[in-house]
Amino acid sequence: MNAEPFDKSPLCFAVRRGVREKLKAIPNWQERLRELVDELLEETGDNCQQMTMIV
């Protein structure tokens, strides 16, 4: 598991119908999704540990 603390504000996005239920049925889905997001950021050249979110 990632030792970095989580952001206090969650990231929310809409998904196609039925995806939410299927995703929640996957064991450890939240951590796996976080890892995929980290990989996506690495692929685009961003280091997620240095990012600052501006709202």
PDB file of N, CA and C in Angstrom:
ATOM      1  N   MET A   1       0.836  -1.188   0.000  1.00  0.00           N
ATOM      2  CA  MET A   1       0.000   0.000   0.000  1.00  0.00           C
ATOM      3  C   MET A   1       0.871   1.237   0.000  1.00  0.00           C
ATOM      4  N   ASN A   2       0.401   2.278  -0.593  1.00  0.00           N
ATOM      5  CA  ASN A   2       1.118   3.529  -0.702  1.00  0.00           C
ATOM      6  C   ASN A   2       1.243   4.186   0.666  1.00  0.00           C
ATOM      7  N   ALA A   3       2.460   4.611   1.023  1.00  0.00           N
ATOM      8  CA  ALA A   3       2.700   5.246   2.309  1.00  0.00           C
ATOM      9  C   ALA A   3       2.359   6.733   2.288  1.00  0.00           C
ATOM     10  N   GLU A   4       2.144   7.299   1.110  1.00  0.00           N
ATOM     11  CA  GLU A   4       1.807   8.712   0.995  1.00  0.00           C
ATOM     12  C   GLU A   4       0.382   8.950   1.513  1.00  0.00           C
ATOM     13  N   PRO A   5       0.172  10.071   2.207  1.00  0.00           N
ATOM     14  CA  PRO A   5      -1.195  10.367   2.675  1.00  0.00           C
ATOM     15  C   PRO A   5      -2.105  10.715   1.504  1.00  0.00           C
ATOM     16  N   PHE A   6      -3.374  10.454   1.678  1.00  0.00           N
ATOM     17  CA  PHE A   6      -4.348  10.772   0.638  1.00  0.00           C
ATOM     18  C   PHE A   6      -4.722  12.244   0.717  1.00  0.00           C
ATOM     19  N   ASP A   7      -5.110  12.797  -0.423  1.00  0.00           N
ATOM     20  CA  ASP A   7      -5.620  14.159  -0.475  1.00  0.00           C
ATOM     21  C   ASP A   7      -6.918  14.215   0.320  1.00  0.00           C
ATOM     22  N   LYS A   8      -7.185  15.332   0.957  1.00  0.00           N
ATOM     23  CA  LYS A   8      -8.410  15.470   1.747  1.00  0.00           C
ATOM     24  C   LYS A   8      -9.654  15.579   0.875  1.00  0.00           C
ATOM     25  N   SER A   9      -9.486  16.019  -0.367  1.00  0.00           N
ATOM     26  CA  SER A   9     -10.614  16.153  -1.291  1.00  0.00           C
ATOM     27  C   SER A   9     -10.618  14.984  -2.262  1.00  0.00           C
ATOM     28  N   PRO A  10     -11.687  14.182  -2.292  1.00  0.00           N
ATOM     29  CA  PRO A  10     -11.736  13.051  -3.224  1.00  0.00           C
ATOM     30  C   PRO A  10     -11.906  13.517  -4.662  1.00  0.00           C
ATOM     31  N   LEU A  11     -11.450  12.699  -5.579  1.00  0.00           N
ATOM     32  CA  LEU A  11     -11.635  12.938  -7.008  1.00  0.00           C
ATOM     33  C   LEU A  11     -12.870  12.158  -7.439  1.00  0.00           C
ATOM     34  N   CYS A  12     -13.815  12.835  -8.064  1.00  0.00           N
ATOM     35  CA  CYS A  12     -15.049  12.185  -8.497  1.00  0.00           C
ATOM     36  C   CYS A  12     -15.212  12.369  -9.999  1.00  0.00           C
ATOM     37  N   PHE A  13     -15.703  11.329 -10.664  1.00  0.00           N
ATOM     38  CA  PHE A  13     -15.979  11.435 -12.088  1.00  0.00           C
ATOM     39  C   PHE A  13     -17.101  10.477 -12.453  1.00  0.00           C
ATOM     40  N   ALA A  14     -17.809  10.814 -13.499  1.00  0.00           N
ATOM     41  CA  ALA A  14     -18.928  10.002 -13.958  1.00  0.00           C
ATOM     42  C   ALA A  14     -18.423   8.840 -14.799  1.00  0.00           C
ATOM     43  N   VAL A  15     -19.123   7.719 -14.695  1.00  0.00           N
ATOM     44  CA  VAL A  15     -18.799   6.532 -15.483  1.00  0.00           C
ATOM     45  C   VAL A  15     -20.066   6.065 -16.192  1.00  0.00           C
ATOM     46  N   ARG A  16     -19.898   5.193 -17.167  1.00  0.00           N
ATOM     47  CA  ARG A  16     -21.049   4.649 -17.891  1.00  0.00           C
ATOM     48  C   ARG A  16     -21.913   3.809 -16.955  1.00  0.00           C
ATOM     49  N   ARG A  17     -23.163   3.660 -17.320  1.00  0.00           N
ATOM     50  CA  ARG A  17     -24.086   2.860 -16.504  1.00  0.00           C
ATOM     51  C   ARG A  17     -23.542   1.455 -16.303  1.00  0.00           C
ATOM     52  N   GLY A  18     -23.641   0.979 -15.075  1.00  0.00           N
ATOM     53  CA  GLY A  18     -23.216  -0.375 -14.744  1.00  0.00           C
ATOM     54  C   GLY A  18     -21.760  -0.492 -14.328  1.00  0.00           C
ATOM     55  N   VAL A  19     -20.945   0.508 -14.652  1.00  0.00           N
ATOM     56  CA  VAL A  19     -19.513   0.436 -14.328  1.00  0.00           C
ATOM     57  C   VAL A  19     -19.291   0.495 -12.817  1.00  0.00           C
ATOM     58  N   ARG A  20     -20.039   1.345 -12.139  1.00  0.00           N
ATOM     59  CA  ARG A  20     -19.857   1.509 -10.695  1.00  0.00           C
ATOM     60  C   ARG A  20     -20.012   0.174  -9.963  1.00  0.00           C
ATOM     61  N   GLU A  21     -21.066  -0.550 -10.262  1.00  0.00           N
ATOM     62  CA  GLU A  21     -21.329  -1.826  -9.598  1.00  0.00           C
ATOM     63  C   GLU A  21     -20.252  -2.862  -9.936  1.00  0.00           C
ATOM     64  N   LYS A  22     -19.844  -2.904 -11.194  1.00  0.00           N
ATOM     65  CA  LYS A  22     -18.810  -3.856 -11.605  1.00  0.00           C
ATOM     66  C   LYS A  22     -17.485  -3.539 -10.932  1.00  0.00           C
ATOM     67  N   LEU A  23     -17.146  -2.256 -10.867  1.00  0.00           N
ATOM     68  CA  LEU A  23     -15.895  -1.840 -10.251  1.00  0.00           C
ATOM     69  C   LEU A  23     -15.875  -2.196  -8.771  1.00  0.00           C
ATOM     70  N   LYS A  24     -16.963  -1.925  -8.072  1.00  0.00           N
ATOM     71  CA  LYS A  24     -17.026  -2.210  -6.638  1.00  0.00           C
ATOM     72  C   LYS A  24     -16.976  -3.705  -6.329  1.00  0.00           C
ATOM     73  N   ALA A  25     -17.258  -4.546  -7.314  1.00  0.00           N
ATOM     74  CA  ALA A  25     -17.194  -5.994  -7.124  1.00  0.00           C
ATOM     75  C   ALA A  25     -15.763  -6.529  -7.220  1.00  0.00           C
ATOM     76  N   ILE A  26     -14.833  -5.708  -7.686  1.00  0.00           N
ATOM     77  CA  ILE A  26     -13.434  -6.126  -7.823  1.00  0.00           C
ATOM     78  C   ILE A  26     -12.734  -5.974  -6.473  1.00  0.00           C
ATOM     79  N   PRO A  27     -12.094  -7.038  -5.979  1.00  0.00           N
ATOM     80  CA  PRO A  27     -11.382  -6.934  -4.705  1.00  0.00           C
ATOM     81  C   PRO A  27     -10.294  -5.854  -4.762  1.00  0.00           C
ATOM     82  N   ASN A  28     -10.210  -5.065  -3.696  1.00  0.00           N
ATOM     83  CA  ASN A  28      -9.174  -4.035  -3.563  1.00  0.00           C
ATOM     84  C   ASN A  28      -9.215  -3.029  -4.705  1.00  0.00           C
ATOM     85  N   TRP A  29     -10.414  -2.732  -5.209  1.00  0.00           N
ATOM     86  CA  TRP A  29     -10.556  -1.891  -6.390  1.00  0.00           C
ATOM     87  C   TRP A  29     -10.027  -0.478  -6.200  1.00  0.00           C
ATOM     88  N   GLN A  30     -10.170   0.088  -5.014  1.00  0.00           N
ATOM     89  CA  GLN A  30      -9.726   1.467  -4.810  1.00  0.00           C
ATOM     90  C   GLN A  30      -8.210   1.593  -4.916  1.00  0.00           C
ATOM     91  N   GLU A  31      -7.493   0.700  -4.278  1.00  0.00           N
ATOM     92  CA  GLU A  31      -6.029   0.755  -4.346  1.00  0.00           C
ATOM     93  C   GLU A  31      -5.545   0.455  -5.761  1.00  0.00           C
ATOM     94  N   ARG A  32      -6.185  -0.494  -6.417  1.00  0.00           N
ATOM     95  CA  ARG A  32      -5.800  -0.810  -7.791  1.00  0.00           C
ATOM     96  C   ARG A  32      -6.041   0.367  -8.727  1.00  0.00           C
ATOM     97  N   LEU A  33      -7.146   1.078  -8.522  1.00  0.00           N
ATOM     98  CA  LEU A  33      -7.439   2.249  -9.338  1.00  0.00           C
ATOM     99  C   LEU A  33      -6.424   3.358  -9.067  1.00  0.00           C
ATOM    100  N   ARG A  34      -6.049   3.537  -7.806  1.00  0.00           N
ATOM    101  CA  ARG A  34      -5.015   4.533  -7.476  1.00  0.00           C
ATOM    102  C   ARG A  34      -3.706   4.216  -8.192  1.00  0.00           C
ATOM    103  N   GLU A  35      -3.348   2.931  -8.228  1.00  0.00           N
ATOM    104  CA  GLU A  35      -2.118   2.526  -8.910  1.00  0.00           C
ATOM    105  C   GLU A  35      -2.203   2.822 -10.408  1.00  0.00           C
ATOM    106  N   LEU A  36      -3.361   2.573 -11.010  1.00  0.00           N
ATOM    107  CA  LEU A  36      -3.537   2.866 -12.432  1.00  0.00           C
ATOM    108  C   LEU A  36      -3.431   4.362 -12.707  1.00  0.00           C
ATOM    109  N   VAL A  37      -3.969   5.176 -11.803  1.00  0.00           N
ATOM    110  CA  VAL A  37      -3.864   6.633 -11.956  1.00  0.00           C
ATOM    111  C   VAL A  37      -2.403   7.052 -11.870  1.00  0.00           C
ATOM    112  N   ASP A  38      -1.663   6.491 -10.906  1.00  0.00           N
ATOM    113  CA  ASP A  38      -0.228   6.797 -10.789  1.00  0.00           C
ATOM    114  C   ASP A  38       0.506   6.436 -12.079  1.00  0.00           C
ATOM    115  N   GLU A  39       0.182   5.262 -12.654  1.00  0.00           N
ATOM    116  CA  GLU A  39       0.814   4.834 -13.907  1.00  0.00           C
ATOM    117  C   GLU A  39       0.485   5.801 -15.041  1.00  0.00           C
ATOM    118  N   LEU A  40      -0.757   6.229 -15.114  1.00  0.00           N
ATOM    119  CA  LEU A  40      -1.175   7.173 -16.140  1.00  0.00           C
ATOM    120  C   LEU A  40      -0.396   8.481 -16.021  1.00  0.00           C
ATOM    121  N   LEU A  41      -0.237   8.970 -14.818  1.00  0.00           N
ATOM    122  CA  LEU A  41       0.513  10.201 -14.602  1.00  0.00           C
ATOM    123  C   LEU A  41       1.988  10.030 -14.965  1.00  0.00           C
ATOM    124  N   GLU A  42       2.554   8.872 -14.654  1.00  0.00           N
ATOM    125  CA  GLU A  42       3.952   8.608 -15.008  1.00  0.00           C
ATOM    126  C   GLU A  42       4.124   8.571 -16.525  1.00  0.00           C
ATOM    127  N   GLU A  43       3.158   7.973 -17.223  1.00  0.00           N
ATOM    128  CA  GLU A  43       3.214   7.894 -18.684  1.00  0.00           C
ATOM    129  C   GLU A  43       3.193   9.271 -19.337  1.00  0.00           C
ATOM    130  N   THR A  44       2.518  10.212 -18.690  1.00  0.00           N
ATOM    131  CA  THR A  44       2.418  11.558 -19.251  1.00  0.00           C
ATOM    132  C   THR A  44       3.540  12.461 -18.755  1.00  0.00           C
ATOM    133  N   GLY A  45       4.448  11.907 -17.994  1.00  0.00           N
ATOM    134  CA  GLY A  45       5.601  12.673 -17.536  1.00  0.00           C
ATOM    135  C   GLY A  45       5.373  13.455 -16.264  1.00  0.00           C
ATOM    136  N   ASP A  46       4.234  13.277 -15.614  1.00  0.00           N
ATOM    137  CA  ASP A  46       3.957  13.968 -14.353  1.00  0.00           C
ATOM    138  C   ASP A  46       4.296  13.075 -13.182  1.00  0.00           C
ATOM    139  N   ASN A  47       4.847  13.670 -12.146  1.00  0.00           N
ATOM    140  CA  ASN A  47       5.131  12.942 -10.921  1.00  0.00           C
ATOM    141  C   ASN A  47       4.010  13.251  -9.943  1.00  0.00           C
ATOM    142  N   CYS A  48       3.166  12.269  -9.656  1.00  0.00           N
ATOM    143  CA  CYS A  48       1.974  12.509  -8.840  1.00  0.00           C
ATOM    144  C   CYS A  48       2.313  12.964  -7.431  1.00  0.00           C
ATOM    145  N   GLN A  49       3.497  12.678  -6.947  1.00  0.00           N
ATOM    146  CA  GLN A  49       3.860  13.069  -5.593  1.00  0.00           C
ATOM    147  C   GLN A  49       4.196  14.557  -5.511  1.00  0.00           C
ATOM    148  N   GLN A  50       4.417  15.207  -6.650  1.00  0.00           N
ATOM    149  CA  GLN A  50       4.747  16.617  -6.653  1.00  0.00           C
ATOM    150  C   GLN A  50       3.609  17.486  -7.144  1.00  0.00           C
ATOM    151  N   MET A  51       2.464  16.879  -7.441  1.00  0.00           N
ATOM    152  CA  MET A  51       1.341  17.631  -7.997  1.00  0.00           C
ATOM    153  C   MET A  51       0.612  18.406  -6.918  1.00  0.00           C
ATOM    154  N   THR A  52       0.109  19.547  -7.270  1.00  0.00           N
ATOM    155  CA  THR A  52      -0.736  20.347  -6.412  1.00  0.00           C
ATOM    156  C   THR A  52      -2.029  20.587  -7.160  1.00  0.00           C
ATOM    157  N   MET A  53      -3.143  20.334  -6.504  1.00  0.00           N
ATOM    158  CA  MET A  53      -4.432  20.523  -7.150  1.00  0.00           C
ATOM    159  C   MET A  53      -4.959  21.907  -6.812  1.00  0.00           C
ATOM    160  N   ILE A  54      -5.371  22.639  -7.817  1.00  0.00           N
ATOM    161  CA  ILE A  54      -5.953  23.961  -7.637  1.00  0.00           C
ATOM    162  C   ILE A  54      -7.426  23.858  -7.934  1.00  0.00           C
ATOM    163  N   VAL A  55      -8.240  24.211  -6.977  1.00  0.00           N
ATOM    164  CA  VAL A  55      -9.696  24.122  -7.144  1.00  0.00           C
ATOM    165  C   VAL A  55     -10.278  25.511  -7.146  1.00  0.00           C
TER     166      VAL A  55
END
